[in-house]
PDB file of N, CA and C in Angstrom:
ATOM      1  N   MET A   1      12.435 -37.669  -5.872  1.00  0.00           N
ATOM      2  CA  MET A   1      13.687 -37.210  -5.308  1.00  0.00           C
ATOM      3  C   MET A   1      14.516 -38.408  -4.862  1.00  0.00           C
ATOM      4  N   THR A   2      15.821 -38.275  -5.000  1.00  0.00           N
ATOM      5  CA  THR A   2      16.705 -39.334  -4.539  1.00  0.00           C
ATOM      6  C   THR A   2      17.067 -39.089  -3.073  1.00  0.00           C
ATOM      7  N   SER A   3      17.686 -40.093  -2.472  1.00  0.00           N
ATOM      8  CA  SER A   3      18.023 -39.992  -1.052  1.00  0.00           C
ATOM      9  C   SER A   3      18.979 -38.834  -0.783  1.00  0.00           C
ATOM     10  N   TRP A   4      19.957 -38.616  -1.661  1.00  0.00           N
ATOM     11  CA  TRP A   4      20.907 -37.528  -1.434  1.00  0.00           C
ATOM     12  C   TRP A   4      20.255 -36.163  -1.572  1.00  0.00           C
ATOM     13  N   GLN A   5      19.293 -36.034  -2.472  1.00  0.00           N
ATOM     14  CA  GLN A   5      18.576 -34.774  -2.587  1.00  0.00           C
ATOM     15  C   GLN A   5      17.785 -34.500  -1.313  1.00  0.00           C
ATOM     16  N   LEU A   6      17.145 -35.538  -0.787  1.00  0.00           N
ATOM     17  CA  LEU A   6      16.379 -35.374   0.451  1.00  0.00           C
ATOM     18  C   LEU A   6      17.284 -35.064   1.631  1.00  0.00           C
ATOM     19  N   VAL A   7      18.469 -35.670   1.686  1.00  0.00           N
ATOM     20  CA  VAL A   7      19.415 -35.367   2.760  1.00  0.00           C
ATOM     21  C   VAL A   7      19.748 -33.883   2.742  1.00  0.00           C
ATOM     22  N   ARG A   8      20.000 -33.336   1.582  1.00  0.00           N
ATOM     23  CA  ARG A   8      20.337 -31.910   1.475  1.00  0.00           C
ATOM     24  C   ARG A   8      19.163 -31.018   1.859  1.00  0.00           C
ATOM     25  N   VAL A   9      17.972 -31.395   1.447  1.00  0.00           N
ATOM     26  CA  VAL A   9      16.778 -30.617   1.791  1.00  0.00           C
ATOM     27  C   VAL A   9      16.547 -30.648   3.301  1.00  0.00           C
ATOM     28  N   ILE A  10      16.652 -31.831   3.894  1.00  0.00           N
ATOM     29  CA  ILE A  10      16.433 -31.974   5.343  1.00  0.00           C
ATOM     30  C   ILE A  10      17.504 -31.207   6.119  1.00  0.00           C
ATOM     31  N   ALA A  11      18.776 -31.348   5.729  1.00  0.00           N
ATOM     32  CA  ALA A  11      19.857 -30.644   6.427  1.00  0.00           C
ATOM     33  C   ALA A  11      19.671 -29.131   6.321  1.00  0.00           C
ATOM     34  N   GLY A  12      19.344 -28.640   5.149  1.00  0.00           N
ATOM     35  CA  GLY A  12      19.117 -27.205   4.977  1.00  0.00           C
ATOM     36  C   GLY A  12      17.953 -26.702   5.813  1.00  0.00           C
ATOM     37  N   THR A  13      16.899 -27.486   5.869  1.00  0.00           N
ATOM     38  CA  THR A  13      15.732 -27.119   6.680  1.00  0.00           C
ATOM     39  C   THR A  13      16.096 -27.070   8.156  1.00  0.00           C
ATOM     40  N   PHE A  14      16.809 -28.107   8.642  1.00  0.00           N
ATOM     41  CA  PHE A  14      17.245 -28.135  10.043  1.00  0.00           C
ATOM     42  C   PHE A  14      18.115 -26.926  10.376  1.00  0.00           C
ATOM     43  N   ILE A  15      19.030 -26.580   9.483  1.00  0.00           N
ATOM     44  CA  ILE A  15      19.930 -25.447   9.731  1.00  0.00           C
ATOM     45  C   ILE A  15      19.143 -24.148   9.799  1.00  0.00           C
ATOM     46  N   LEU A  16      18.255 -23.920   8.854  1.00  0.00           N
ATOM     47  CA  LEU A  16      17.483 -22.677   8.854  1.00  0.00           C
ATOM     48  C   LEU A  16      16.575 -22.557  10.077  1.00  0.00           C
ATOM     49  N   ILE A  17      15.932 -23.653  10.454  1.00  0.00           N
ATOM     50  CA  ILE A  17      15.048 -23.627  11.633  1.00  0.00           C
ATOM     51  C   ILE A  17      15.848 -23.382  12.903  1.00  0.00           C
ATOM     52  N   SER A  18      16.985 -24.094  13.051  1.00  0.00           N
ATOM     53  CA  SER A  18      17.771 -23.921  14.272  1.00  0.00           C
ATOM     54  C   SER A  18      18.398 -22.533  14.342  1.00  0.00           C
ATOM     55  N   LEU A  19      18.760 -21.951  13.207  1.00  0.00           N
ATOM     56  CA  LEU A  19      19.250 -20.570  13.214  1.00  0.00           C
ATOM     57  C   LEU A  19      18.149 -19.598  13.626  1.00  0.00           C
ATOM     58  N   ALA A  20      16.948 -19.813  13.137  1.00  0.00           N
ATOM     59  CA  ALA A  20      15.828 -18.946  13.508  1.00  0.00           C
ATOM     60  C   ALA A  20      15.532 -19.043  15.005  1.00  0.00           C
ATOM     61  N   LEU A  21      15.647 -20.245  15.555  1.00  0.00           N
ATOM     62  CA  LEU A  21      15.356 -20.434  16.977  1.00  0.00           C
ATOM     63  C   LEU A  21      16.516 -20.023  17.880  1.00  0.00           C
ATOM     64  N   GLY A  22      17.740 -19.925  17.331  1.00  0.00           N
ATOM     65  CA  GLY A  22      18.906 -19.649  18.155  1.00  0.00           C
ATOM     66  C   GLY A  22      19.513 -18.273  18.013  1.00  0.00           C
ATOM     67  N   THR A  23      19.051 -17.484  17.065  1.00  0.00           N
ATOM     68  CA  THR A  23      19.595 -16.145  16.863  1.00  0.00           C
ATOM     69  C   THR A  23      18.763 -15.131  17.648  1.00  0.00           C
ATOM     70  N   PRO A  24      19.397 -14.396  18.572  1.00  0.00           N
ATOM     71  CA  PRO A  24      18.637 -13.476  19.432  1.00  0.00           C
ATOM     72  C   PRO A  24      17.787 -12.444  18.688  1.00  0.00           C
ATOM     73  N   GLY A  25      18.161 -12.028  17.500  1.00  0.00           N
ATOM     74  CA  GLY A  25      17.382 -11.034  16.761  1.00  0.00           C
ATOM     75  C   GLY A  25      16.162 -11.598  16.059  1.00  0.00           C
ATOM     76  N   SER A  26      16.007 -12.906  16.081  1.00  0.00           N
ATOM     77  CA  SER A  26      14.899 -13.557  15.380  1.00  0.00           C
ATOM     78  C   SER A  26      13.595 -13.397  16.154  1.00  0.00           C
ATOM     79  N   PRO A  27      12.484 -13.228  15.432  1.00  0.00           N
ATOM     80  CA  PRO A  27      11.187 -13.114  16.127  1.00  0.00           C
ATOM     81  C   PRO A  27      10.740 -14.416  16.790  1.00  0.00           C
ATOM     82  N   VAL A  28      11.342 -15.544  16.427  1.00  0.00           N
ATOM     83  CA  VAL A  28      10.973 -16.828  17.033  1.00  0.00           C
ATOM     84  C   VAL A  28      12.101 -17.372  17.925  1.00  0.00           C
ATOM     85  N   PHE A  29      12.972 -16.489  18.397  1.00  0.00           N
ATOM     86  CA  PHE A  29      14.102 -16.882  19.246  1.00  0.00           C
ATOM     87  C   PHE A  29      13.624 -17.605  20.494  1.00  0.00           C
ATOM     88  N   LEU A  30      14.261 -18.740  20.789  1.00  0.00           N
ATOM     89  CA  LEU A  30      13.968 -19.472  22.018  1.00  0.00           C
ATOM     90  C   LEU A  30      15.182 -19.525  22.938  1.00  0.00           C
ATOM     91  N   SER A  31      16.319 -19.969  22.385  1.00  0.00           N
ATOM     92  CA  SER A  31      17.519 -20.126  23.191  1.00  0.00           C
ATOM     93  C   SER A  31      18.740 -20.184  22.281  1.00  0.00           C
ATOM     94  N   LYS A  32      19.875 -19.687  22.787  1.00  0.00           N
ATOM     95  CA  LYS A  32      21.107 -19.767  22.011  1.00  0.00           C
ATOM     96  C   LYS A  32      21.576 -21.205  21.842  1.00  0.00           C
ATOM     97  N   TRP A  33      21.062 -22.116  22.653  1.00  0.00           N
ATOM     98  CA  TRP A  33      21.449 -23.527  22.566  1.00  0.00           C
ATOM     99  C   TRP A  33      21.023 -24.175  21.260  1.00  0.00           C
ATOM    100  N   TRP A  34      20.077 -23.566  20.553  1.00  0.00           N
ATOM    101  CA  TRP A  34      19.689 -24.095  19.237  1.00  0.00           C
ATOM    102  C   TRP A  34      20.843 -24.008  18.245  1.00  0.00           C
ATOM    103  N   LEU A  35      21.789 -23.116  18.488  1.00  0.00           N
ATOM    104  CA  LEU A  35      22.952 -23.008  17.609  1.00  0.00           C
ATOM    105  C   LEU A  35      23.838 -24.241  17.719  1.00  0.00           C
ATOM    106  N   ALA A  36      23.778 -24.951  18.843  1.00  0.00           N
ATOM    107  CA  ALA A  36      24.508 -26.212  18.975  1.00  0.00           C
ATOM    108  C   ALA A  36      23.955 -27.241  17.987  1.00  0.00           C
ATOM    109  N   PHE A  37      22.654 -27.216  17.755  1.00  0.00           N
ATOM    110  CA  PHE A  37      22.053 -28.121  16.766  1.00  0.00           C
ATOM    111  C   PHE A  37      22.540 -27.770  15.363  1.00  0.00           C
ATOM    112  N   THR A  38      22.680 -26.480  15.093  1.00  0.00           N
ATOM    113  CA  THR A  38      23.226 -26.045  13.803  1.00  0.00           C
ATOM    114  C   THR A  38      24.630 -26.603  13.613  1.00  0.00           C
ATOM    115  N   ALA A  39      25.448 -26.515  14.656  1.00  0.00           N
ATOM    116  CA  ALA A  39      26.816 -27.048  14.594  1.00  0.00           C
ATOM    117  C   ALA A  39      26.802 -28.558  14.409  1.00  0.00           C
ATOM    118  N   PHE A  40      25.873 -29.251  15.054  1.00  0.00           N
ATOM    119  CA  PHE A  40      25.758 -30.705  14.927  1.00  0.00           C
ATOM    120  C   PHE A  40      25.434 -31.100  13.483  1.00  0.00           C
ATOM    121  N   VAL A  41      24.504 -30.422  12.868  1.00  0.00           N
ATOM    122  CA  VAL A  41      24.143 -30.712  11.476  1.00  0.00           C
ATOM    123  C   VAL A  41      25.331 -30.427  10.557  1.00  0.00           C
ATOM    124  N   GLY A  42      26.008 -29.309  10.781  1.00  0.00           N
ATOM    125  CA  GLY A  42      27.182 -28.981   9.983  1.00  0.00           C
ATOM    126  C   GLY A  42      28.287 -30.011  10.133  1.00  0.00           C
ATOM    127  N   ALA A  43      28.517 -30.481  11.356  1.00  0.00           N
ATOM    128  CA  ALA A  43      29.536 -31.507  11.591  1.00  0.00           C
ATOM    129  C   ALA A  43      29.171 -32.810  10.888  1.00  0.00           C
ATOM    130  N   ASN A  44      27.893 -33.152  10.883  1.00  0.00           N
ATOM    131  CA  ASN A  44      27.458 -34.368  10.187  1.00  0.00           C
ATOM    132  C   ASN A  44      27.627 -34.232   8.676  1.00  0.00           C
ATOM    133  N   LEU A  45      27.373 -33.055   8.134  1.00  0.00           N
ATOM    134  CA  LEU A  45      27.597 -32.835   6.702  1.00  0.00           C
ATOM    135  C   LEU A  45      29.081 -32.958   6.367  1.00  0.00           C
ATOM    136  N   LEU A  46      29.932 -32.401   7.217  1.00  0.00           N
ATOM    137  CA  LEU A  46      31.380 -32.511   7.015  1.00  0.00           C
ATOM    138  C   LEU A  46      31.826 -33.968   7.082  1.00  0.00           C
ATOM    139  N   GLN A  47      31.364 -34.684   8.090  1.00  0.00           N
ATOM    140  CA  GLN A  47      31.708 -36.095   8.251  1.00  0.00           C
ATOM    141  C   GLN A  47      31.259 -36.915   7.054  1.00  0.00           C
ATOM    142  N   SER A  48      30.053 -36.681   6.570  1.00  0.00           N
ATOM    143  CA  SER A  48      29.557 -37.467   5.440  1.00  0.00           C
ATOM    144  C   SER A  48      30.313 -37.147   4.156  1.00  0.00           C
ATOM    145  N   GLY A  49      30.778 -35.915   4.031  1.00  0.00           N
ATOM    146  CA  GLY A  49      31.570 -35.553   2.866  1.00  0.00           C
ATOM    147  C   GLY A  49      32.937 -36.218   2.861  1.00  0.00           C
ATOM    148  N   ILE A  50      33.508 -36.406   4.051  1.00  0.00           N
ATOM    149  CA  ILE A  50      34.832 -37.015   4.160  1.00  0.00           C
ATOM    150  C   ILE A  50      34.760 -38.540   4.070  1.00  0.00           C
ATOM    151  N   THR A  51      33.787 -39.131   4.779  1.00  0.00           N
ATOM    152  CA  THR A  51      33.723 -40.600   4.850  1.00  0.00           C
ATOM    153  C   THR A  51      32.854 -41.236   3.767  1.00  0.00           C
ATOM    154  N   ARG A  52      32.049 -40.419   3.086  1.00  0.00           N
ATOM    155  CA  ARG A  52      31.098 -40.902   2.077  1.00  0.00           C
ATOM    156  C   ARG A  52      30.028 -41.814   2.676  1.00  0.00           C
ATOM    157  N   TRP A  53      29.714 -41.633   3.966  1.00  0.00           N
ATOM    158  CA  TRP A  53      28.642 -42.361   4.633  1.00  0.00           C
ATOM    159  C   TRP A  53      27.805 -41.367   5.413  1.00  0.00           C
ATOM    160  N   CYS A  54      26.490 -41.486   5.291  1.00  0.00           N
ATOM    161  CA  CYS A  54      25.571 -40.565   5.954  1.00  0.00           C
ATOM    162  C   CYS A  54      24.435 -41.363   6.593  1.00  0.00           C
ATOM    163  N   LEU A  55      24.249 -41.170   7.898  1.00  0.00           N
ATOM    164  CA  LEU A  55      23.198 -41.897   8.612  1.00  0.00           C
ATOM    165  C   LEU A  55      21.817 -41.557   8.053  1.00  0.00           C
ATOM    166  N   MET A  56      21.566 -40.281   7.772  1.00  0.00           N
ATOM    167  CA  MET A  56      20.258 -39.884   7.232  1.00  0.00           C
ATOM    168  C   MET A  56      19.990 -40.567   5.899  1.00  0.00           C
ATOM    169  N   ASP A  57      21.011 -40.683   5.061  1.00  0.00           N
ATOM    170  CA  ASP A  57      20.852 -41.374   3.779  1.00  0.00           C
ATOM    171  C   ASP A  57      20.498 -42.842   4.010  1.00  0.00           C
ATOM    172  N   SER A  58      21.163 -43.473   4.973  1.00  0.00           N
ATOM    173  CA  SER A  58      20.870 -44.880   5.288  1.00  0.00           C
ATOM    174  C   SER A  58      19.433 -45.047   5.769  1.00  0.00           C
ATOM    175  N   ILE A  59      18.985 -44.133   6.604  1.00  0.00           N
ATOM    176  CA  ILE A  59      17.610 -44.194   7.112  1.00  0.00           C
ATOM    177  C   ILE A  59      16.612 -44.012   5.971  1.00  0.00           C
ATOM    178  N   LEU A  60      16.848 -43.031   5.122  1.00  0.00           N
ATOM    179  CA  LEU A  60      15.930 -42.777   4.008  1.00  0.00           C
ATOM    180  C   LEU A  60      15.868 -43.966   3.052  1.00  0.00           C
ATOM    181  N   ARG A  61      17.007 -44.593   2.801  1.00  0.00           N
ATOM    182  CA  ARG A  61      17.017 -45.750   1.895  1.00  0.00           C
ATOM    183  C   ARG A  61      16.241 -46.921   2.497  1.00  0.00           C
ATOM    184  N   ARG A  62      16.349 -47.109   3.805  1.00  0.00           N
ATOM    185  CA  ARG A  62      15.570 -48.177   4.458  1.00  0.00           C
ATOM    186  C   ARG A  62      14.076 -47.884   4.420  1.00  0.00           C
ATOM    187  N   LEU A  63      13.736 -46.614   4.338  1.00  0.00           N
ATOM    188  CA  LEU A  63      12.323 -46.232   4.238  1.00  0.00           C
ATOM    189  C   LEU A  63      11.797 -46.323   2.797  1.00  0.00           C
ATOM    190  N   GLY A  64      12.680 -46.699   1.874  1.00  0.00           N
ATOM    191  CA  GLY A  64      12.237 -46.925   0.516  1.00  0.00           C
ATOM    192  C   GLY A  64      12.523 -45.809  -0.462  1.00  0.00           C
ATOM    193  N   VAL A  65      13.277 -44.804  -0.046  1.00  0.00           N
ATOM    194  CA  VAL A  65      13.627 -43.723  -0.952  1.00  0.00           C
ATOM    195  C   VAL A  65      14.691 -44.218  -1.934  1.00  0.00           C
ATOM    196  N   ARG A  66      14.556 -43.850  -3.183  1.00  0.00           N
ATOM    197  CA  ARG A  66      15.485 -44.275  -4.228  1.00  0.00           C
ATOM    198  C   ARG A  66      16.874 -43.708  -3.969  1.00  0.00           C
ATOM    199  N   ALA A  67      17.895 -44.529  -4.078  1.00  0.00           N
ATOM    200  CA  ALA A  67      19.283 -44.090  -3.909  1.00  0.00           C
ATOM    201  C   ALA A  67      19.721 -43.253  -5.082  1.00  0.00           C
ATOM    202  N   GLY A  68      20.644 -42.361  -4.861  1.00  0.00           N
ATOM    203  CA  GLY A  68      21.153 -41.536  -5.949  1.00  0.00           C
ATOM    204  C   GLY A  68      22.172 -40.566  -5.461  1.00  0.00           C
ATOM    205  N   CYS A  69      22.867 -39.936  -6.410  1.00  0.00           N
ATOM    206  CA  CYS A  69      23.927 -38.969  -6.043  1.00  0.00           C
ATOM    207  C   CYS A  69      23.509 -37.559  -6.304  1.00  0.00           C
TER     208      CYS A  69
END
């Protein structure tokens, strides 16, 4: 997998987990504050789409993950 593929997988995983933890109807609900994490991930995706720079991609590349689009 390339770094951008992993960024998408990680972001999607974070969003799904935080929605499960922040939605009152969920069997694993903890607190509505988990929805703030969902918003944070979404804002980072928006920022990376506009600026073409992503912190998670930079971290993954430093860890040796192959770069790619």
